[in-house]
Amino acid sequence: MESVWDYPRPPRLERTTRRLRVLFAGELIADTTNGLRLLETSHPPAYYIPPADVRTQFLHRIAKRSFCEFKGTATYWDLQAGNRTSSAAAWSYESPTHVYLDLANHLCFYAGRADECYVDDLLVIPQPGDFYGGWITPDLKGPFKGIPGSAAW
């Protein structure tokens, strides 16, 4: 078991060879064993997938942006497949800060805005709340940022 309370702040970025998959509207959107995971105190890992392992024809850049004090400005993407759209389902950092340069153009998906996300063969539970994008698996111990009352953590 990993406790999210053992993760650092500022966050640590590390490579992972665990298989990461994202499915939406009957399509395999992303599949990699060459991802990155971002570990931050109180958050389940956020998994970033290299663009070469994402079927980017299903992603459409939108105007939404946000700013992270550690990583810089994020760009958001709608996910469209079949006749379904999931708004702001993924984000990326085109020009991340120096410490997080490896994140450049990798995509991170909100598990709750796709149909299914997997780490290896473990079905992911989305991080609580609608702002955070961590992926919860049974090998993690919380409590997790995003639950009611956690805004000040």
Foldseek 3Di string as FASTA:
>chain_A
DAELQPAAPVKDKDWAQWWKWFAAPRDTFFTGSTWMWIRYRQAATFIWAAPVRGPCVQWDWDPDWDADPQWGIKTFIWGDDDNDIQGRQKIADCCTDPNPRVRHRTITGQCVRGPFMDGRNFTWDGQADDPDRHTDGPVYDHDHQRPPPRPVD
